Amino acid sequence: MLQTQVLRPDADALQAAAQILRTGGLVAFPTETVYGLGANALDRDAVLSIFAAKGRPADNPLIVHIHDEAQLEGLVELPPLARPLMRRFWPGPLTILMPRTDRIPDAVTAGLETVAIRMPSHPVARRLLQVCELPVAAPSANRSGKPSPTTAAHVLEDMDGRIPLILDGGSCEVGLESTVLDICHGAPCILRPGYVTREELAEVIGPVEVAGSVLRPLAKGEFARSPGMRYRHYAPEGQITLVTGAEADVVEALRRLHRAACAEGRRSCVMCFTEHCAALRDCLPHDIGSRDKPEEAARRLFDTLRTVDDEGMDAIFSEVMPPEGVGLAVMNRLGRAAAFRTVDARIVLQDG
């Protein structure tokens, strides 16, 4: 069995990681969003090994990471809107779809004519990309479908024995994957929301649409133009149910749903905002941050989803937040983790 090393990202570890990438291997590394599982983006076989390690469907495209705009030469054709976006948001948590050249293997893009490109801001990611001098294809470093990893320990939990090296750069600052923006097919459109919001993008390039699939499952026959568009994703083993409605109704509905699940012999808990933890103290509350601070919920979400897995919960009932700003990204991830299973608090209360 392959032995997975976890190393602090000093100069020697970065050189070792770069050598692994140059020779077709895989390395997990931190970014400001989540940990990525990287391979040489120009090496088809190396890219295919990402899918094998993750158990990821091959029709799910990957993001290519670069450290310098000069690396785009020969890889993509720059759309007119790309430059102002790059000036404003790179390095940072924005991924831009661009028309690709033949240098990018089909395995990276799932055969699509566009490729997703981003320039991470995390210092470890930037140093690794500079040392290896390669564009690096890197989805999140988790087993496919599980919550994305925001610590090296999360990566090791999923990838131990599957990859040779994890660079431990501590906890990720953002906690949710990057915003994915399509500027190649008509009006600019967010395919996956993230920390860079629709409002911030609009300040730079004007009106921006949000794909209908952000808050619903992909329709039958609808293909994934971006990572993170699949039906059930970011999910723990247990079933998550989202509870919507007026604040007081939701708190009481969470209490009743938890009680009913426990009466059925299920291991149950609630995911709630800081403001409601005291009221739900008898329901094994997991604090996902303040309702008024979606950035806090973004940082905590994936760690919370892994915690309920570790605790063996099979019925998880969660509050929701308005899908605005970073809250749109939080609700996109929560929706997919729950397979869009939602209940109205009023109906729960009516049913007693």
Protein backbone atom coordinates (compact mmCIF):
# COMPACT_ATOMS: atom_id res chain seq x y z
CA MET A 1 0.00 0.00 0.00
CA LEU A 2 1.22 3.49 -0.85
CA GLN A 3 2.37 5.45 2.20
CA THR A 4 1.03 8.99 2.35
CA GLN A 5 3.35 11.58 3.86
CA VAL A 6 2.03 14.75 5.51
CA LEU A 7 4.68 17.49 5.49
CA ARG A 8 4.86 21.10 6.52
CA PRO A 9 5.50 23.16 3.36
CA ASP A 10 9.14 24.09 3.86
CA ALA A 11 11.57 24.41 0.96
CA ASP A 12 12.46 20.70 0.92
CA ALA A 13 8.82 19.60 1.00
CA LEU A 14 7.92 21.98 -1.83
CA GLN A 15 10.78 20.62 -3.94
CA ALA A 16 9.63 17.06 -3.24
CA ALA A 17 6.05 17.98 -4.17
CA ALA A 18 7.19 19.67 -7.38
CA GLN A 19 9.19 16.60 -8.37
CA ILE A 20 6.16 14.37 -7.82
CA LEU A 21 4.07 16.63 -10.06
CA ARG A 22 6.76 16.74 -12.76
CA THR A 23 6.92 12.94 -12.86
CA GLY A 24 3.17 12.37 -13.17
CA GLY A 25 2.22 11.97 -9.52
CA LEU A 26 -0.40 13.54 -7.27
CA VAL A 27 0.04 16.06 -4.45
CA ALA A 28 -2.58 17.53 -2.12
CA PHE A 29 -1.99 21.17 -1.21
CA PRO A 30 -3.83 24.00 0.54
CA THR A 31 -5.51 26.89 -1.22
CA GLU A 32 -7.45 29.77 0.30
CA THR A 33 -10.70 27.93 -0.59
CA VAL A 34 -10.20 24.19 0.12
CA TYR A 35 -7.37 21.68 -0.25
CA GLY A 36 -6.73 20.66 -3.85
CA LEU A 37 -5.55 17.35 -5.32
CA GLY A 38 -3.06 18.36 -7.99
CA ALA A 39 -1.54 16.80 -11.10
CA ASN A 40 0.30 18.16 -14.12
CA ALA A 41 -2.54 19.60 -16.19
CA LEU A 42 -0.67 18.86 -19.45
CA ASP A 43 -0.17 15.15 -18.65
CA ARG A 44 -3.28 13.15 -19.59
CA ASP A 45 -2.30 10.08 -17.58
CA ALA A 46 -1.52 12.16 -14.50
CA VAL A 47 -4.91 13.88 -14.79
CA LEU A 48 -6.70 10.54 -15.12
CA SER A 49 -5.05 9.42 -11.90
CA ILE A 50 -6.91 12.23 -10.09
CA PHE A 51 -10.22 10.66 -11.09
CA ALA A 52 -9.01 7.24 -9.92
CA ALA A 53 -7.83 8.53 -6.54
CA LYS A 54 -11.06 10.45 -5.90
CA GLY A 55 -13.47 7.95 -7.43
CA ARG A 56 -14.67 10.92 -9.48
CA PRO A 57 -16.79 10.57 -12.64
CA ALA A 58 -14.73 11.41 -15.73
CA ASP A 59 -17.45 13.72 -17.08
CA ASN A 60 -16.83 16.18 -14.22
CA PRO A 61 -14.37 18.89 -15.41
CA LEU A 62 -11.36 20.05 -13.40
CA ILE A 63 -9.90 23.48 -12.61
CA VAL A 64 -6.39 24.37 -13.80
CA HIS A 65 -4.30 26.41 -11.33
CA ILE A 66 -1.59 28.84 -12.42
CA HIS A 67 0.69 31.28 -10.57
CA ASP A 68 1.32 33.80 -13.37
CA GLU A 69 -0.72 35.17 -16.27
CA ALA A 70 2.19 34.30 -18.60
CA GLN A 71 1.24 30.64 -18.11
CA LEU A 72 -1.96 31.25 -20.04
CA GLU A 73 0.06 31.64 -23.25
CA GLY A 74 -0.68 28.67 -25.50
CA LEU A 75 -3.28 27.22 -23.11
CA VAL A 76 -6.30 29.46 -23.73
CA GLU A 77 -7.71 32.25 -25.86
CA LEU A 78 -8.46 35.20 -23.61
CA PRO A 79 -12.09 36.42 -23.85
CA PRO A 80 -12.44 40.24 -23.75
CA LEU A 81 -13.90 40.22 -20.22
CA ALA A 82 -11.07 38.10 -18.81
CA ARG A 83 -8.50 40.85 -18.30
CA PRO A 84 -10.56 43.19 -16.07
CA LEU A 85 -11.64 40.17 -14.00
CA MET A 86 -8.07 38.96 -13.65
CA ARG A 87 -6.88 42.43 -12.63
CA ARG A 88 -9.54 42.70 -9.94
CA PHE A 89 -9.80 39.18 -8.53
CA TRP A 90 -6.54 37.33 -9.21
CA PRO A 91 -4.88 35.93 -7.26
CA GLY A 92 -8.01 34.86 -5.41
CA PRO A 93 -11.06 32.59 -5.30
CA LEU A 94 -12.41 33.24 -8.82
CA THR A 95 -12.31 30.61 -11.57
CA ILE A 96 -12.88 31.81 -15.15
CA LEU A 97 -13.97 29.61 -18.05
CA MET A 98 -11.92 30.29 -21.18
CA PRO A 99 -11.69 28.70 -24.66
CA ARG A 100 -8.88 26.14 -24.51
CA THR A 101 -6.21 25.07 -26.94
CA ASP A 102 -5.25 21.49 -27.80
CA ARG A 103 -2.47 21.59 -25.18
CA ILE A 104 -5.12 20.99 -22.51
CA PRO A 105 -6.06 17.29 -22.54
CA ASP A 106 -9.73 16.35 -22.91
CA ALA A 107 -9.45 14.60 -19.54
CA VAL A 108 -9.17 18.00 -17.83
CA THR A 109 -12.27 19.49 -19.42
CA ALA A 110 -14.47 16.39 -19.80
CA GLY A 111 -14.25 17.04 -23.54
CA LEU A 112 -15.61 20.59 -23.31
CA GLU A 113 -14.14 23.35 -25.49
CA THR A 114 -13.59 25.58 -22.45
CA VAL A 115 -11.25 25.13 -19.50
CA ALA A 116 -11.66 26.49 -15.96
CA ILE A 117 -8.64 28.55 -14.85
CA ARG A 118 -7.79 30.17 -11.54
CA MET A 119 -4.84 31.74 -9.76
CA PRO A 120 -4.94 30.87 -6.04
CA SER A 121 -3.81 33.38 -3.43
CA HIS A 122 -2.70 30.93 -0.71
CA PRO A 123 1.07 31.33 -0.22
CA VAL A 124 1.72 27.56 -0.21
CA ALA A 125 -0.24 27.02 -3.42
CA ARG A 126 1.56 29.91 -5.06
CA ARG A 127 5.00 28.68 -4.02
CA LEU A 128 4.26 25.14 -5.20
CA LEU A 129 3.06 26.38 -8.60
CA GLN A 130 6.15 28.54 -8.96
CA VAL A 131 8.56 25.75 -7.99
CA CYS A 132 7.03 23.08 -10.25
CA GLU A 133 6.61 25.53 -13.17
CA LEU A 134 3.51 23.69 -14.41
CA PRO A 135 -0.19 24.42 -14.72
CA VAL A 136 -1.78 22.12 -12.16
CA ALA A 137 -5.22 20.54 -12.52
CA ALA A 138 -6.72 20.24 -9.05
CA PRO A 139 -10.22 19.44 -7.83
CA SER A 140 -10.87 19.30 -4.09
CA ALA A 141 -8.77 16.65 -2.34
CA ASN A 142 -11.62 14.48 -1.05
CA ARG A 143 -13.26 11.26 -2.10
CA SER A 144 -15.93 12.09 -4.68
CA GLY A 145 -19.21 13.24 -3.15
CA LYS A 146 -17.84 13.77 0.37
CA PRO A 147 -17.47 17.20 2.00
CA SER A 148 -14.50 19.11 0.63
CA PRO A 149 -11.41 19.19 2.89
CA THR A 150 -10.40 22.37 4.67
CA THR A 151 -7.53 20.84 6.71
CA ALA A 152 -4.74 18.38 5.97
CA ALA A 153 -6.38 15.97 8.43
CA HIS A 154 -9.52 15.93 6.26
CA VAL A 155 -7.38 15.07 3.23
CA LEU A 156 -5.59 12.28 5.04
CA GLU A 157 -8.92 10.83 6.15
CA ASP A 158 -9.98 10.45 2.51
CA MET A 159 -6.68 9.99 0.68
CA ASP A 160 -4.43 7.98 3.01
CA GLY A 161 -2.75 5.30 0.89
CA ARG A 162 -4.02 6.85 -2.36
CA ILE A 163 -1.51 9.67 -2.87
CA PRO A 164 2.15 10.09 -1.90
CA LEU A 165 2.13 13.57 -0.33
CA ILE A 166 -0.04 16.11 1.46
CA LEU A 167 1.33 19.59 2.13
CA ASP A 168 -0.10 20.76 5.46
CA GLY A 169 -0.72 24.50 5.30
CA GLY A 170 -3.23 24.69 8.15
CA SER A 171 -6.92 25.50 7.86
CA CYS A 172 -8.27 27.14 4.70
CA GLU A 173 -9.36 30.74 5.13
CA VAL A 174 -12.44 30.76 2.87
CA GLY A 175 -13.71 27.21 3.37
CA LEU A 176 -15.79 26.91 0.17
CA GLU A 177 -14.60 26.28 -3.38
CA SER A 178 -14.04 29.17 -5.77
CA THR A 179 -16.69 31.04 -7.73
CA VAL A 180 -16.85 29.65 -11.29
CA LEU A 181 -17.77 32.24 -13.94
CA ASP A 182 -18.61 31.49 -17.57
CA ILE A 183 -17.79 34.39 -19.91
CA CYS A 184 -17.77 32.28 -23.07
CA HIS A 185 -21.44 31.53 -23.69
CA GLY A 186 -23.53 34.71 -23.94
CA ALA A 187 -24.06 36.85 -20.85
CA PRO A 188 -21.58 36.29 -17.98
CA CYS A 189 -23.01 33.54 -15.77
CA ILE A 190 -22.04 32.10 -12.39
CA LEU A 191 -22.00 28.31 -12.67
CA ARG A 192 -20.85 27.76 -9.09
CA PRO A 193 -21.13 30.53 -6.47
CA GLY A 194 -18.30 31.17 -4.06
CA TYR A 195 -16.60 33.86 -2.01
CA VAL A 196 -16.45 36.27 -4.97
CA THR A 197 -20.08 37.34 -5.19
CA ARG A 198 -22.36 38.25 -8.06
CA GLU A 199 -22.45 41.83 -6.81
CA GLU A 200 -18.64 42.13 -6.81
CA LEU A 201 -18.40 40.70 -10.32
CA ALA A 202 -21.08 43.08 -11.58
CA GLU A 203 -19.04 46.06 -10.35
CA VAL A 204 -16.32 45.05 -12.83
CA ILE A 205 -18.15 43.65 -15.88
CA GLY A 206 -21.78 44.71 -15.54
CA PRO A 207 -24.81 42.40 -15.17
CA VAL A 208 -24.04 38.80 -14.21
CA GLU A 209 -26.50 35.92 -14.35
CA VAL A 210 -26.65 32.92 -12.01
CA ALA A 211 -27.18 29.47 -13.53
CA GLY A 212 -30.53 27.95 -12.67
CA SER A 213 -28.77 24.78 -11.51
CA VAL A 214 -27.11 26.62 -8.61
CA LEU A 215 -30.11 26.03 -6.33
CA ARG A 216 -31.61 22.95 -8.00
CA PRO A 217 -30.39 19.59 -9.31
CA LEU A 218 -29.17 19.26 -12.89
CA ALA A 219 -32.06 18.54 -15.23
CA LYS A 220 -32.20 15.24 -17.10
CA GLY A 221 -29.66 15.40 -19.92
CA GLU A 222 -28.11 18.61 -18.58
CA PHE A 223 -24.32 18.28 -18.45
CA ALA A 224 -21.95 19.77 -15.90
CA ARG A 225 -20.11 22.78 -17.35
CA SER A 226 -18.41 23.33 -14.01
CA PRO A 227 -17.21 21.31 -11.02
CA GLY A 228 -19.76 21.11 -8.22
CA MET A 229 -22.86 20.94 -10.41
CA ARG A 230 -23.72 17.31 -9.73
CA TYR A 231 -26.93 16.33 -7.95
CA ARG A 232 -25.66 15.11 -4.55
CA HIS A 233 -22.29 16.54 -3.64
CA TYR A 234 -20.40 17.71 -0.54
CA ALA A 235 -22.50 15.19 1.40
CA PRO A 236 -22.05 13.31 4.68
CA GLU A 237 -23.34 9.73 4.95
CA GLY A 238 -26.45 10.80 6.86
CA GLN A 239 -29.48 12.46 5.26
CA ILE A 240 -29.63 16.24 5.56
CA THR A 241 -33.01 17.97 5.52
CA LEU A 242 -33.16 21.75 5.07
CA VAL A 243 -35.88 23.55 7.04
CA THR A 244 -37.28 26.79 5.63
CA GLY A 245 -39.66 29.41 6.99
CA ALA A 246 -39.95 32.16 9.59
CA GLU A 247 -37.16 32.15 12.19
CA ALA A 248 -39.26 31.13 15.20
CA ASP A 249 -41.08 28.46 13.19
CA VAL A 250 -37.81 26.98 11.96
CA VAL A 251 -36.39 26.69 15.47
CA GLU A 252 -39.51 24.88 16.72
CA ALA A 253 -39.62 22.67 13.60
CA LEU A 254 -35.98 21.67 14.10
CA ARG A 255 -36.79 20.68 17.67
CA ARG A 256 -39.77 18.54 16.60
CA LEU A 257 -37.98 16.91 13.68
CA HIS A 258 -35.03 16.00 15.89
CA ARG A 259 -37.34 14.58 18.55
CA ALA A 260 -39.28 12.51 16.01
CA ALA A 261 -36.10 11.12 14.46
CA CYS A 262 -34.77 10.11 17.87
CA ALA A 263 -38.09 8.42 18.68
CA GLU A 264 -37.60 6.33 15.52
CA GLY A 265 -34.22 5.20 16.83
CA ARG A 266 -32.18 7.36 14.47
CA ARG A 267 -29.02 9.25 15.46
CA SER A 268 -30.09 12.86 14.94
CA CYS A 269 -28.72 16.37 15.33
CA VAL A 270 -29.37 19.89 14.09
CA MET A 271 -27.15 22.36 12.24
CA CYS A 272 -28.11 25.84 13.37
CA PHE A 273 -26.98 29.42 13.64
CA THR A 274 -25.12 30.67 16.71
CA GLU A 275 -28.18 32.70 17.70
CA HIS A 276 -30.30 29.53 18.11
CA CYS A 277 -27.84 27.12 19.75
CA ALA A 278 -29.14 27.82 23.26
CA ALA A 279 -32.76 27.29 22.24
CA LEU A 280 -31.81 24.00 20.58
CA ARG A 281 -29.39 22.79 23.27
CA ASP A 282 -31.33 19.52 23.70
CA CYS A 283 -31.04 18.72 19.97
CA LEU A 284 -27.26 18.19 19.71
CA PRO A 285 -26.76 21.54 17.97
CA HIS A 286 -23.82 22.06 15.62
CA ASP A 287 -23.05 25.77 15.37
CA ILE A 288 -22.55 26.87 11.74
CA GLY A 289 -21.94 30.52 12.62
CA SER A 290 -24.02 33.65 12.82
CA ARG A 291 -27.02 34.07 10.53
CA ASP A 292 -25.75 37.58 9.78
CA LYS A 293 -22.23 36.41 8.81
CA PRO A 294 -22.38 34.06 5.82
CA GLU A 295 -18.58 34.15 5.60
CA GLU A 296 -18.52 32.43 9.00
CA ALA A 297 -20.91 29.74 7.79
CA ALA A 298 -18.75 29.26 4.68
CA ARG A 299 -15.65 28.62 6.81
CA ARG A 300 -17.43 26.18 9.12
CA LEU A 301 -19.71 24.28 6.76
CA PHE A 302 -17.51 21.48 5.43
CA ASP A 303 -15.89 20.86 8.81
CA THR A 304 -19.38 20.58 10.34
CA LEU A 305 -20.49 18.12 7.67
CA ARG A 306 -17.46 15.96 8.40
CA THR A 307 -18.12 16.18 12.15
CA VAL A 308 -21.67 14.84 11.83
CA ASP A 309 -20.21 11.98 9.77
CA ASP A 310 -17.65 11.24 12.49
CA GLU A 311 -20.46 11.19 15.05
CA GLY A 312 -22.43 8.68 12.98
CA MET A 313 -25.47 10.92 12.54
CA ASP A 314 -28.02 9.60 10.06
CA ALA A 315 -30.65 12.37 10.38
CA ILE A 316 -29.40 15.96 10.19
CA PHE A 317 -31.78 18.92 10.16
CA SER A 318 -30.39 22.28 9.11
CA GLU A 319 -31.32 25.93 9.11
CA VAL A 320 -30.95 27.91 5.89
CA MET A 321 -29.87 31.46 5.12
CA PRO A 322 -30.90 33.93 2.41
CA PRO A 323 -29.17 33.02 -0.89
CA GLU A 324 -27.53 36.43 -1.23
CA GLY A 325 -23.85 37.39 -1.43
CA VAL A 326 -21.72 34.62 0.08
CA GLY A 327 -24.99 33.14 1.39
CA LEU A 328 -25.71 31.97 -2.17
CA ALA A 329 -22.56 29.84 -2.06
CA VAL A 330 -23.47 28.44 1.36
CA MET A 331 -26.96 27.49 0.18
CA ASN A 332 -25.59 25.95 -3.03
CA ARG A 333 -23.37 23.61 -0.98
CA LEU A 334 -26.04 22.87 1.61
CA GLY A 335 -28.60 22.18 -1.12
CA ARG A 336 -26.36 19.71 -2.89
CA ALA A 337 -25.31 18.07 0.38
CA ALA A 338 -29.01 17.56 1.14
CA ALA A 339 -29.81 16.42 -2.43
CA PHE A 340 -32.23 19.40 -2.24
CA ARG A 341 -34.40 17.69 0.38
CA THR A 342 -36.35 20.59 1.95
CA VAL A 343 -39.30 20.90 4.31
CA ASP A 344 -41.41 23.94 5.19
CA ALA A 345 -41.44 24.62 8.95
CA ARG A 346 -45.17 25.48 8.85
CA ILE A 347 -46.01 22.02 7.54
CA VAL A 348 -43.96 20.40 10.31
CA LEU A 349 -45.79 22.46 12.92
CA GLN A 350 -49.21 21.75 11.39
CA ASP A 351 -48.52 18.02 11.43
CA GLY A 352 -47.69 18.27 15.13
